[in-house]
Amino acid sequence: MKYYLIGHTSYFEEYLPIYKQIISVLSEKAGWKLVDNWINREVGAQSEDPDKASRFYKYYKDLYKNTTKKIKQSDIVVAEMSEKSTTVAQQVVYALENNIPVWCLCNENKRQNIPAFLSTRHDDKLDFSYYKTEKLVSLIEEKLTDFTKREIKFNFYLDQSMYDFLEKLSIEKKSTKSKVIREILFAEMKEKQSQNTKP
């Protein structure tokens, strides 16, 4: 599972221990691959090593291109959103618009900092987890299984009558067409499994 971590650079020193905990659980314990460790780049930029600082500024000259490329390479985006940040919110929206799941982590005492246009968004690919700092690691470990099944995207063609029927179902269920199809497939899978387990 490849992931991209979004975080606040304006609060970098304050949240560096949080970022390190997230990476430790996801990369070291769960075996997920971090597509871009920008945190090391930030640390390098603040060092007195001119070579590290130079690499930092070279990357940030093309920040939009580099960041969107990394997001698109990811299976999931993990966003730390405890502080207000337009940049973080923009990256979350970009991931969702490119059909990439986003797992938002936020300190439970700062949930009011989540932008309303995200907290009120109904999207199967957007998930919020509110944590206590001392319990962040255990929360991530508990939620990991919700995100470990990689989704496969493919083209799906329907004739007009099938599409009309699917759209009617999605309206009735107040759900997306994709979710309706997944629910139908899941029900069929459960039915087959129950048949196979019968003596």
N, C-alpha and C. Protein backbone atom coordinates (compact mmCIF):
# COMPACT_ATOMS: atom_id res chain seq x y z
N MET A 1 0.84 -1.18 0.00
CA MET A 1 0.00 0.00 0.00
C MET A 1 0.89 1.25 0.00
N LYS A 2 0.74 2.09 -1.01
CA LYS A 2 1.52 3.32 -1.10
C LYS A 2 0.69 4.47 -0.54
N TYR A 3 1.31 5.31 0.27
CA TYR A 3 0.57 6.43 0.84
C TYR A 3 1.38 7.72 0.79
N TYR A 4 0.64 8.82 0.76
CA TYR A 4 1.25 10.15 0.80
C TYR A 4 0.75 10.83 2.06
N LEU A 5 1.66 11.40 2.84
CA LEU A 5 1.30 12.06 4.09
C LEU A 5 1.23 13.56 3.87
N ILE A 6 0.08 14.14 4.23
CA ILE A 6 -0.10 15.59 4.16
C ILE A 6 -0.05 16.13 5.58
N GLY A 7 0.66 17.25 5.76
CA GLY A 7 0.73 17.85 7.09
C GLY A 7 0.98 19.34 7.01
N HIS A 8 1.01 19.97 8.16
CA HIS A 8 1.17 21.42 8.26
C HIS A 8 2.65 21.78 8.31
N THR A 9 3.13 22.53 7.35
CA THR A 9 4.52 22.99 7.43
C THR A 9 4.63 24.22 8.33
N SER A 10 3.52 24.95 8.49
CA SER A 10 3.54 26.15 9.35
C SER A 10 3.69 25.77 10.82
N TYR A 11 3.30 24.55 11.15
CA TYR A 11 3.39 24.06 12.53
C TYR A 11 4.34 22.86 12.58
N PHE A 12 5.39 22.92 11.76
CA PHE A 12 6.23 21.75 11.54
C PHE A 12 6.86 21.22 12.82
N GLU A 13 7.50 22.09 13.58
CA GLU A 13 8.20 21.63 14.78
C GLU A 13 7.22 21.04 15.80
N GLU A 14 6.04 21.65 15.92
CA GLU A 14 5.05 21.16 16.87
C GLU A 14 4.52 19.78 16.49
N TYR A 15 4.36 19.57 15.17
CA TYR A 15 3.74 18.32 14.73
C TYR A 15 4.74 17.26 14.26
N LEU A 16 6.02 17.58 14.29
CA LEU A 16 7.03 16.61 13.85
C LEU A 16 6.92 15.29 14.62
N PRO A 17 6.74 15.30 15.95
CA PRO A 17 6.58 14.01 16.67
C PRO A 17 5.34 13.23 16.20
N ILE A 18 4.27 13.96 15.85
CA ILE A 18 3.05 13.32 15.36
C ILE A 18 3.31 12.66 14.00
N TYR A 19 3.96 13.41 13.10
CA TYR A 19 4.29 12.87 11.78
C TYR A 19 5.14 11.61 11.91
N LYS A 20 6.11 11.66 12.81
CA LYS A 20 7.00 10.51 13.00
C LYS A 20 6.25 9.29 13.52
N GLN A 21 5.27 9.53 14.40
CA GLN A 21 4.46 8.42 14.89
C GLN A 21 3.63 7.80 13.77
N ILE A 22 3.04 8.66 12.95
CA ILE A 22 2.22 8.17 11.83
C ILE A 22 3.06 7.31 10.89
N ILE A 23 4.24 7.83 10.54
CA ILE A 23 5.13 7.11 9.62
C ILE A 23 5.62 5.81 10.25
N SER A 24 5.91 5.87 11.54
CA SER A 24 6.40 4.68 12.23
C SER A 24 5.38 3.55 12.15
N VAL A 25 4.12 3.86 12.42
CA VAL A 25 3.08 2.83 12.40
C VAL A 25 2.82 2.34 10.98
N LEU A 26 2.63 3.27 10.07
CA LEU A 26 2.25 2.90 8.70
C LEU A 26 3.39 2.22 7.94
N SER A 27 4.58 2.76 8.04
CA SER A 27 5.71 2.24 7.26
C SER A 27 6.42 1.08 7.94
N GLU A 28 6.70 1.23 9.22
CA GLU A 28 7.51 0.22 9.91
C GLU A 28 6.67 -0.96 10.41
N LYS A 29 5.49 -0.69 10.95
CA LYS A 29 4.66 -1.77 11.48
C LYS A 29 3.74 -2.38 10.43
N ALA A 30 3.10 -1.52 9.63
CA ALA A 30 2.12 -2.02 8.66
C ALA A 30 2.75 -2.34 7.30
N GLY A 31 3.95 -1.83 7.06
CA GLY A 31 4.63 -2.12 5.80
C GLY A 31 4.16 -1.28 4.63
N TRP A 32 3.44 -0.19 4.90
CA TRP A 32 3.03 0.70 3.82
C TRP A 32 4.24 1.48 3.32
N LYS A 33 4.19 1.88 2.05
CA LYS A 33 5.32 2.60 1.45
C LYS A 33 4.98 4.08 1.34
N LEU A 34 5.80 4.93 1.96
CA LEU A 34 5.63 6.37 1.88
C LEU A 34 6.21 6.85 0.55
N VAL A 35 5.39 7.44 -0.31
CA VAL A 35 5.86 7.79 -1.66
C VAL A 35 6.79 9.00 -1.66
N ASP A 36 6.71 9.82 -0.63
CA ASP A 36 7.59 10.99 -0.58
C ASP A 36 7.76 11.43 0.88
N ASN A 37 8.97 11.33 1.39
CA ASN A 37 9.21 11.74 2.77
C ASN A 37 9.62 13.22 2.81
N TRP A 38 8.63 14.10 2.61
CA TRP A 38 8.90 15.53 2.61
C TRP A 38 9.31 16.03 4.00
N ILE A 39 9.03 15.22 5.01
CA ILE A 39 9.40 15.61 6.37
C ILE A 39 10.92 15.68 6.50
N ASN A 40 11.62 14.70 5.93
CA ASN A 40 13.09 14.75 5.95
C ASN A 40 13.59 15.97 5.18
N ARG A 41 12.89 16.33 4.12
CA ARG A 41 13.27 17.50 3.32
C ARG A 41 13.10 18.78 4.14
N GLU A 42 12.02 18.85 4.91
CA GLU A 42 11.78 20.02 5.78
C GLU A 42 12.87 20.13 6.84
N VAL A 43 13.21 18.99 7.43
CA VAL A 43 14.27 18.99 8.44
C VAL A 43 15.58 19.46 7.81
N GLY A 44 15.86 18.97 6.59
CA GLY A 44 17.07 19.36 5.88
C GLY A 44 17.10 20.84 5.56
N ALA A 45 15.94 21.40 5.23
CA ALA A 45 15.86 22.82 4.88
C ALA A 45 16.20 23.70 6.08
N GLN A 46 15.92 23.19 7.27
CA GLN A 46 16.16 23.97 8.47
C GLN A 46 17.55 23.73 9.05
N SER A 47 18.30 22.84 8.40
CA SER A 47 19.65 22.55 8.89
C SER A 47 20.63 23.59 8.34
N GLU A 48 21.84 23.53 8.83
CA GLU A 48 22.87 24.48 8.37
C GLU A 48 23.65 23.92 7.19
N ASP A 49 23.27 22.73 6.74
CA ASP A 49 23.94 22.11 5.60
C ASP A 49 23.44 22.77 4.32
N PRO A 50 24.27 23.51 3.59
CA PRO A 50 23.82 24.21 2.38
C PRO A 50 23.33 23.28 1.28
N ASP A 51 23.90 22.06 1.22
CA ASP A 51 23.48 21.11 0.19
C ASP A 51 22.04 20.65 0.43
N LYS A 52 21.70 20.37 1.70
CA LYS A 52 20.34 19.95 2.04
C LYS A 52 19.35 21.07 1.78
N ALA A 53 19.72 22.27 2.14
CA ALA A 53 18.84 23.43 1.92
C ALA A 53 18.62 23.66 0.43
N SER A 54 19.65 23.45 -0.37
CA SER A 54 19.54 23.64 -1.82
C SER A 54 18.56 22.65 -2.43
N ARG A 55 18.63 21.38 -2.00
CA ARG A 55 17.69 20.37 -2.51
C ARG A 55 16.25 20.71 -2.13
N PHE A 56 16.07 21.26 -0.95
CA PHE A 56 14.75 21.68 -0.48
C PHE A 56 14.17 22.75 -1.40
N TYR A 57 14.91 23.79 -1.67
CA TYR A 57 14.39 24.89 -2.48
C TYR A 57 14.19 24.49 -3.94
N LYS A 58 15.01 23.59 -4.44
CA LYS A 58 14.84 23.10 -5.80
C LYS A 58 13.50 22.36 -5.94
N TYR A 59 13.16 21.54 -4.97
CA TYR A 59 11.89 20.80 -5.00
C TYR A 59 10.71 21.76 -4.93
N TYR A 60 10.79 22.76 -4.09
CA TYR A 60 9.66 23.65 -3.88
C TYR A 60 9.47 24.69 -4.99
N LYS A 61 10.39 24.76 -5.91
CA LYS A 61 10.19 25.62 -7.08
C LYS A 61 9.05 25.08 -7.93
N ASP A 62 8.88 23.76 -7.95
CA ASP A 62 7.80 23.10 -8.70
C ASP A 62 6.91 22.34 -7.72
N LEU A 63 6.50 23.01 -6.66
CA LEU A 63 5.76 22.34 -5.59
C LEU A 63 4.46 21.71 -6.07
N TYR A 64 3.67 22.46 -6.85
CA TYR A 64 2.38 21.93 -7.29
C TYR A 64 2.57 20.67 -8.14
N LYS A 65 3.44 20.73 -9.11
CA LYS A 65 3.68 19.57 -9.98
C LYS A 65 4.20 18.37 -9.20
N ASN A 66 5.14 18.61 -8.31
CA ASN A 66 5.73 17.52 -7.54
C ASN A 66 4.72 16.90 -6.57
N THR A 67 3.93 17.74 -5.91
CA THR A 67 2.97 17.24 -4.92
C THR A 67 1.84 16.47 -5.59
N THR A 68 1.26 17.03 -6.64
CA THR A 68 0.15 16.34 -7.31
C THR A 68 0.62 15.03 -7.94
N LYS A 69 1.84 14.99 -8.41
CA LYS A 69 2.40 13.74 -8.96
C LYS A 69 2.48 12.67 -7.88
N LYS A 70 2.95 13.04 -6.69
CA LYS A 70 3.07 12.08 -5.59
C LYS A 70 1.70 11.61 -5.11
N ILE A 71 0.73 12.53 -5.07
CA ILE A 71 -0.62 12.14 -4.65
C ILE A 71 -1.19 11.11 -5.62
N LYS A 72 -1.01 11.34 -6.91
CA LYS A 72 -1.55 10.42 -7.92
C LYS A 72 -0.87 9.06 -7.88
N GLN A 73 0.35 9.01 -7.35
CA GLN A 73 1.08 7.73 -7.25
C GLN A 73 0.62 6.91 -6.05
N SER A 74 -0.21 7.51 -5.20
CA SER A 74 -0.58 6.88 -3.93
C SER A 74 -1.86 6.07 -4.02
N ASP A 75 -1.94 5.03 -3.20
CA ASP A 75 -3.19 4.27 -3.04
C ASP A 75 -4.12 4.97 -2.06
N ILE A 76 -3.52 5.72 -1.14
CA ILE A 76 -4.29 6.44 -0.12
C ILE A 76 -3.48 7.65 0.33
N VAL A 77 -4.19 8.70 0.72
CA VAL A 77 -3.56 9.89 1.28
C VAL A 77 -3.94 9.96 2.76
N VAL A 78 -2.95 10.21 3.60
CA VAL A 78 -3.18 10.38 5.03
C VAL A 78 -2.90 11.85 5.36
N ALA A 79 -3.89 12.52 5.94
CA ALA A 79 -3.76 13.96 6.19
C ALA A 79 -3.91 14.27 7.67
N GLU A 80 -2.91 14.96 8.24
CA GLU A 80 -3.02 15.44 9.61
C GLU A 80 -3.64 16.84 9.51
N MET A 81 -4.85 17.02 10.09
CA MET A 81 -5.62 18.24 9.86
C MET A 81 -6.02 18.95 11.16
N SER A 82 -5.18 18.87 12.16
CA SER A 82 -5.52 19.48 13.45
C SER A 82 -5.46 21.00 13.42
N GLU A 83 -4.72 21.56 12.47
CA GLU A 83 -4.61 23.01 12.36
C GLU A 83 -5.25 23.47 11.05
N LYS A 84 -5.73 24.70 11.05
CA LYS A 84 -6.32 25.25 9.83
C LYS A 84 -5.23 25.46 8.79
N SER A 85 -5.47 24.95 7.59
CA SER A 85 -4.49 25.08 6.52
C SER A 85 -5.18 24.95 5.17
N THR A 86 -5.17 26.02 4.40
CA THR A 86 -5.76 25.98 3.06
C THR A 86 -5.01 25.00 2.18
N THR A 87 -3.68 24.96 2.32
CA THR A 87 -2.86 24.07 1.49
C THR A 87 -3.20 22.61 1.74
N VAL A 88 -3.33 22.24 3.02
CA VAL A 88 -3.68 20.86 3.36
C VAL A 88 -5.05 20.52 2.79
N ALA A 89 -6.03 21.41 2.97
CA ALA A 89 -7.38 21.18 2.48
C ALA A 89 -7.39 21.03 0.96
N GLN A 90 -6.62 21.86 0.27
CA GLN A 90 -6.55 21.78 -1.19
C GLN A 90 -6.01 20.43 -1.65
N GLN A 91 -5.00 19.93 -0.95
CA GLN A 91 -4.42 18.63 -1.32
C GLN A 91 -5.41 17.49 -1.07
N VAL A 92 -6.19 17.60 0.01
CA VAL A 92 -7.21 16.59 0.29
C VAL A 92 -8.25 16.57 -0.82
N VAL A 93 -8.73 17.74 -1.21
CA VAL A 93 -9.73 17.84 -2.28
C VAL A 93 -9.16 17.31 -3.59
N TYR A 94 -7.89 17.63 -3.88
CA TYR A 94 -7.26 17.15 -5.11
C TYR A 94 -7.24 15.62 -5.13
N ALA A 95 -6.89 15.01 -4.01
CA ALA A 95 -6.86 13.54 -3.95
C ALA A 95 -8.25 12.96 -4.19
N LEU A 96 -9.26 13.52 -3.53
CA LEU A 96 -10.63 13.01 -3.69
C LEU A 96 -11.11 13.16 -5.12
N GLU A 97 -10.77 14.29 -5.75
CA GLU A 97 -11.19 14.52 -7.13
C GLU A 97 -10.49 13.57 -8.10
N ASN A 98 -9.39 12.98 -7.65
CA ASN A 98 -8.68 11.99 -8.46
C ASN A 98 -8.97 10.57 -7.98
N ASN A 99 -10.07 10.43 -7.22
CA ASN A 99 -10.58 9.12 -6.80
C ASN A 99 -9.61 8.38 -5.88
N ILE A 100 -8.86 9.14 -5.08
CA ILE A 100 -7.92 8.53 -4.15
C ILE A 100 -8.46 8.69 -2.73
N PRO A 101 -8.60 7.61 -1.97
CA PRO A 101 -9.12 7.69 -0.61
C PRO A 101 -8.25 8.58 0.28
N VAL A 102 -8.90 9.28 1.20
CA VAL A 102 -8.18 10.16 2.13
C VAL A 102 -8.59 9.82 3.56
N TRP A 103 -7.59 9.59 4.39
CA TRP A 103 -7.80 9.32 5.81
C TRP A 103 -7.31 10.54 6.57
N CYS A 104 -8.24 11.30 7.15
CA CYS A 104 -7.91 12.52 7.87
C CYS A 104 -7.78 12.23 9.36
N LEU A 105 -6.66 12.63 9.93
CA LEU A 105 -6.42 12.51 11.37
C LEU A 105 -6.47 13.90 11.98
N CYS A 106 -7.17 14.01 13.11
CA CYS A 106 -7.30 15.31 13.75
C CYS A 106 -7.36 15.14 15.26
N ASN A 107 -6.63 15.98 15.97
CA ASN A 107 -6.71 15.97 17.43
C ASN A 107 -8.15 16.26 17.84
N GLU A 108 -8.70 15.48 18.75
CA GLU A 108 -10.11 15.61 19.10
C GLU A 108 -10.44 16.97 19.72
N ASN A 109 -9.45 17.66 20.24
CA ASN A 109 -9.68 18.99 20.80
C ASN A 109 -9.65 20.10 19.75
N LYS A 110 -9.36 19.69 18.49
CA LYS A 110 -9.25 20.70 17.44
C LYS A 110 -10.12 20.37 16.23
N ARG A 111 -11.15 19.57 16.44
CA ARG A 111 -11.99 19.16 15.32
C ARG A 111 -12.68 20.35 14.65
N GLN A 112 -12.81 21.47 15.37
CA GLN A 112 -13.42 22.66 14.79
C GLN A 112 -12.55 23.26 13.69
N ASN A 113 -11.29 22.84 13.60
CA ASN A 113 -10.40 23.36 12.57
C ASN A 113 -10.57 22.67 11.21
N ILE A 114 -11.33 21.56 11.19
CA ILE A 114 -11.62 20.90 9.91
C ILE A 114 -12.55 21.81 9.11
N PRO A 115 -12.20 22.16 7.87
CA PRO A 115 -13.07 23.03 7.07
C PRO A 115 -14.45 22.41 6.89
N ALA A 116 -15.48 23.22 6.98
CA ALA A 116 -16.86 22.72 6.87
C ALA A 116 -17.11 22.06 5.52
N PHE A 117 -16.46 22.55 4.47
CA PHE A 117 -16.70 21.95 3.16
C PHE A 117 -16.13 20.55 3.05
N LEU A 118 -15.28 20.16 4.02
CA LEU A 118 -14.81 18.77 4.09
C LEU A 118 -15.59 17.96 5.12
N SER A 119 -15.80 18.54 6.31
CA SER A 119 -16.48 17.80 7.37
C SER A 119 -17.93 17.47 7.01
N THR A 120 -18.53 18.28 6.12
CA THR A 120 -19.93 18.03 5.71
C THR A 120 -20.01 17.31 4.38
N ARG A 121 -18.87 16.96 3.82
CA ARG A 121 -18.85 16.29 2.51
C ARG A 121 -19.22 14.82 2.68
N HIS A 122 -20.14 14.34 1.85
CA HIS A 122 -20.52 12.93 1.86
C HIS A 122 -19.74 12.22 0.76
N ASP A 123 -18.73 11.50 1.15
CA ASP A 123 -17.84 10.86 0.18
C ASP A 123 -17.33 9.56 0.79
N ASP A 124 -17.56 8.44 0.09
CA ASP A 124 -17.12 7.13 0.58
C ASP A 124 -15.61 7.06 0.75
N LYS A 125 -14.88 7.93 0.05
CA LYS A 125 -13.43 7.86 0.08
C LYS A 125 -12.81 8.81 1.10
N LEU A 126 -13.65 9.46 1.90
CA LEU A 126 -13.16 10.40 2.90
C LEU A 126 -13.50 9.88 4.30
N ASP A 127 -12.47 9.72 5.13
CA ASP A 127 -12.67 9.19 6.48
C ASP A 127 -11.98 10.08 7.50
N PHE A 128 -12.67 10.34 8.61
CA PHE A 128 -12.10 11.16 9.68
C PHE A 128 -11.87 10.32 10.94
N SER A 129 -10.71 10.49 11.56
CA SER A 129 -10.41 9.85 12.83
C SER A 129 -9.91 10.93 13.78
N TYR A 130 -10.55 11.03 14.95
CA TYR A 130 -10.17 12.04 15.94
C TYR A 130 -9.42 11.36 17.08
N TYR A 131 -8.25 11.87 17.40
CA TYR A 131 -7.38 11.17 18.33
C TYR A 131 -6.97 12.02 19.54
N LYS A 132 -6.63 11.33 20.62
CA LYS A 132 -5.91 11.93 21.73
C LYS A 132 -4.44 11.67 21.46
N THR A 133 -3.61 12.67 21.68
CA THR A 133 -2.19 12.55 21.33
C THR A 133 -1.56 11.28 21.87
N GLU A 134 -1.86 10.96 23.12
CA GLU A 134 -1.24 9.78 23.75
C GLU A 134 -1.78 8.47 23.21
N LYS A 135 -2.88 8.53 22.46
CA LYS A 135 -3.48 7.30 21.92
C LYS A 135 -3.47 7.25 20.39
N LEU A 136 -2.67 8.12 19.78
CA LEU A 136 -2.62 8.18 18.31
C LEU A 136 -2.20 6.85 17.70
N VAL A 137 -1.14 6.26 18.23
CA VAL A 137 -0.61 5.01 17.67
C VAL A 137 -1.65 3.90 17.73
N SER A 138 -2.31 3.74 18.86
CA SER A 138 -3.29 2.67 18.99
C SER A 138 -4.49 2.91 18.08
N LEU A 139 -4.88 4.18 17.89
CA LEU A 139 -5.99 4.48 17.00
C LEU A 139 -5.66 4.09 15.56
N ILE A 140 -4.45 4.45 15.13
CA ILE A 140 -4.04 4.11 13.76
C ILE A 140 -4.01 2.60 13.58
N GLU A 141 -3.46 1.89 14.57
CA GLU A 141 -3.37 0.43 14.47
C GLU A 141 -4.76 -0.20 14.39
N GLU A 142 -5.72 0.35 15.13
CA GLU A 142 -7.08 -0.19 15.12
C GLU A 142 -7.77 0.03 13.77
N LYS A 143 -7.49 1.18 13.16
CA LYS A 143 -8.18 1.55 11.92
C LYS A 143 -7.51 1.00 10.66
N LEU A 144 -6.31 0.47 10.80
CA LEU A 144 -5.53 0.05 9.62
C LEU A 144 -6.29 -0.91 8.72
N THR A 145 -6.99 -1.87 9.33
CA THR A 145 -7.66 -2.89 8.52
C THR A 145 -8.75 -2.30 7.63
N ASP A 146 -9.25 -1.12 7.97
CA ASP A 146 -10.27 -0.48 7.14
C ASP A 146 -9.70 0.00 5.81
N PHE A 147 -8.37 0.12 5.74
CA PHE A 147 -7.75 0.71 4.56
C PHE A 147 -6.79 -0.22 3.83
N THR A 148 -6.66 -1.44 4.30
CA THR A 148 -5.64 -2.32 3.71
C THR A 148 -6.08 -3.02 2.43
N LYS A 149 -7.38 -3.01 2.15
CA LYS A 149 -7.83 -3.63 0.91
C LYS A 149 -7.73 -2.62 -0.23
N ARG A 150 -6.79 -2.86 -1.09
CA ARG A 150 -6.57 -1.92 -2.19
C ARG A 150 -7.71 -2.00 -3.19
N GLU A 151 -8.21 -0.83 -3.61
CA GLU A 151 -9.28 -0.80 -4.59
C GLU A 151 -8.70 -0.82 -6.01
N ILE A 152 -9.39 -1.52 -6.89
CA ILE A 152 -8.97 -1.60 -8.29
C ILE A 152 -9.97 -0.85 -9.14
N LYS A 153 -9.45 0.07 -9.95
CA LYS A 153 -10.32 0.86 -10.81
C LYS A 153 -10.33 0.27 -12.23
N PHE A 154 -11.50 0.23 -12.86
CA PHE A 154 -11.58 -0.23 -14.24
C PHE A 154 -12.80 0.39 -14.90
N ASN A 155 -12.80 0.40 -16.23
CA ASN A 155 -13.94 0.95 -16.97
C ASN A 155 -15.11 -0.02 -16.92
N PHE A 156 -16.31 0.54 -16.85
CA PHE A 156 -17.51 -0.27 -16.71
C PHE A 156 -18.58 0.33 -17.61
N TYR A 157 -19.01 -0.41 -18.63
CA TYR A 157 -19.96 0.11 -19.59
C TYR A 157 -21.35 -0.50 -19.39
N LEU A 158 -22.37 0.34 -19.46
CA LEU A 158 -23.76 -0.08 -19.33
C LEU A 158 -24.56 0.46 -20.50
N ASP A 159 -25.63 -0.29 -20.87
CA ASP A 159 -26.53 0.31 -21.85
C ASP A 159 -27.44 1.29 -21.11
N GLN A 160 -28.23 2.05 -21.86
CA GLN A 160 -29.01 3.13 -21.26
C GLN A 160 -30.01 2.64 -20.21
N SER A 161 -30.67 1.52 -20.49
CA SER A 161 -31.67 1.01 -19.54
C SER A 161 -31.02 0.59 -18.22
N MET A 162 -29.83 -0.04 -18.30
CA MET A 162 -29.11 -0.43 -17.09
C MET A 162 -28.68 0.80 -16.30
N TYR A 163 -28.19 1.81 -17.02
CA TYR A 163 -27.74 3.03 -16.37
C TYR A 163 -28.90 3.73 -15.67
N ASP A 164 -30.05 3.81 -16.36
CA ASP A 164 -31.23 4.45 -15.77
C ASP A 164 -31.67 3.73 -14.50
N PHE A 165 -31.63 2.39 -14.55
CA PHE A 165 -32.01 1.59 -13.39
C PHE A 165 -31.04 1.84 -12.23
N LEU A 166 -29.74 1.87 -12.53
CA LEU A 166 -28.74 2.10 -11.51
C LEU A 166 -28.88 3.48 -10.89
N GLU A 167 -29.16 4.46 -11.72
CA GLU A 167 -29.33 5.81 -11.21
C GLU A 167 -30.55 5.90 -10.30
N LYS A 168 -31.63 5.21 -10.68
CA LYS A 168 -32.83 5.18 -9.85
C LYS A 168 -32.53 4.56 -8.49
N LEU A 169 -31.77 3.45 -8.50
CA LEU A 169 -31.39 2.80 -7.24
C LEU A 169 -30.55 3.72 -6.36
N SER A 170 -29.62 4.43 -6.98
CA SER A 170 -28.74 5.31 -6.20
C SER A 170 -29.54 6.45 -5.55
N ILE A 171 -30.56 6.94 -6.25
CA ILE A 171 -31.41 7.99 -5.69
C ILE A 171 -32.24 7.44 -4.53
N GLU A 172 -32.79 6.24 -4.72
CA GLU A 172 -33.60 5.62 -3.67
C GLU A 172 -32.78 5.35 -2.41
N LYS A 173 -31.55 4.91 -2.61
CA LYS A 173 -30.69 4.57 -1.48
C LYS A 173 -29.90 5.77 -0.96
N LYS A 174 -30.03 6.91 -1.66
CA LYS A 174 -29.27 8.11 -1.31
C LYS A 174 -27.78 7.79 -1.23
N SER A 175 -27.31 7.15 -2.28
CA SER A 175 -25.93 6.70 -2.32
C SER A 175 -25.36 6.95 -3.71
N THR A 176 -24.06 6.71 -3.86
CA THR A 176 -23.45 6.84 -5.18
C THR A 176 -23.70 5.57 -5.99
N LYS A 177 -23.61 5.71 -7.29
CA LYS A 177 -23.82 4.54 -8.17
C LYS A 177 -22.73 3.49 -7.92
N SER A 178 -21.51 3.94 -7.67
CA SER A 178 -20.42 3.01 -7.40
C SER A 178 -20.69 2.19 -6.15
N LYS A 179 -21.18 2.87 -5.11
CA LYS A 179 -21.46 2.18 -3.86
C LYS A 179 -22.59 1.17 -4.03
N VAL A 180 -23.62 1.52 -4.82
CA VAL A 180 -24.74 0.60 -5.08
C VAL A 180 -24.21 -0.68 -5.74
N ILE A 181 -23.34 -0.52 -6.73
CA ILE A 181 -22.78 -1.69 -7.43
C ILE A 181 -21.97 -2.54 -6.46
N ARG A 182 -21.14 -1.88 -5.61
CA ARG A 182 -20.34 -2.63 -4.63
C ARG A 182 -21.23 -3.41 -3.66
N GLU A 183 -22.33 -2.79 -3.24
CA GLU A 183 -23.25 -3.46 -2.31
C GLU A 183 -23.90 -4.68 -2.95
N ILE A 184 -24.26 -4.56 -4.23
CA ILE A 184 -24.85 -5.69 -4.95
C ILE A 184 -23.84 -6.83 -5.06
N LEU A 185 -22.60 -6.49 -5.41
CA LEU A 185 -21.56 -7.50 -5.54
C LEU A 185 -21.26 -8.16 -4.18
N PHE A 186 -21.22 -7.34 -3.14
CA PHE A 186 -20.93 -7.87 -1.80
C PHE A 186 -22.03 -8.83 -1.35
N ALA A 187 -23.29 -8.49 -1.65
CA ALA A 187 -24.40 -9.37 -1.29
C ALA A 187 -24.29 -10.70 -2.02
N GLU A 188 -23.91 -10.65 -3.30
CA GLU A 188 -23.72 -11.88 -4.09
C GLU A 188 -22.58 -12.72 -3.52
N MET A 189 -21.49 -12.05 -3.11
CA MET A 189 -20.36 -12.77 -2.54
C MET A 189 -20.75 -13.48 -1.24
N LYS A 190 -21.51 -12.79 -0.40
CA LYS A 190 -21.96 -13.39 0.87
C LYS A 190 -22.88 -14.59 0.60
N GLU A 191 -23.75 -14.46 -0.41
CA GLU A 191 -24.66 -15.54 -0.76
C GLU A 191 -23.89 -16.76 -1.23
N LYS A 192 -22.89 -16.57 -2.07
CA LYS A 192 -22.06 -17.66 -2.56
C LYS A 192 -21.30 -18.32 -1.44
N GLN A 193 -20.77 -17.51 -0.53
CA GLN A 193 -20.00 -18.04 0.60
C GLN A 193 -20.88 -18.89 1.51
N SER A 194 -22.11 -18.42 1.74
CA SER A 194 -23.03 -19.18 2.61
C SER A 194 -23.43 -20.50 1.96
N GLN A 195 -23.57 -20.48 0.63
CA GLN A 195 -23.89 -21.72 -0.10
C GLN A 195 -22.75 -22.72 -0.02
N ASN A 196 -21.54 -22.20 -0.09
CA ASN A 196 -20.34 -23.08 -0.06
C ASN A 196 -20.10 -23.68 1.31
N THR A 197 -20.61 -23.02 2.36
CA THR A 197 -20.39 -23.54 3.71
C THR A 197 -21.51 -24.47 4.18
N LYS A 198 -22.58 -24.58 3.38
CA LYS A 198 -23.67 -25.48 3.75
C LYS A 198 -23.23 -26.92 3.60
N PRO A 199 -23.62 -27.81 4.55
CA PRO A 199 -23.20 -29.23 4.48
C PRO A 199 -23.87 -29.93 3.32
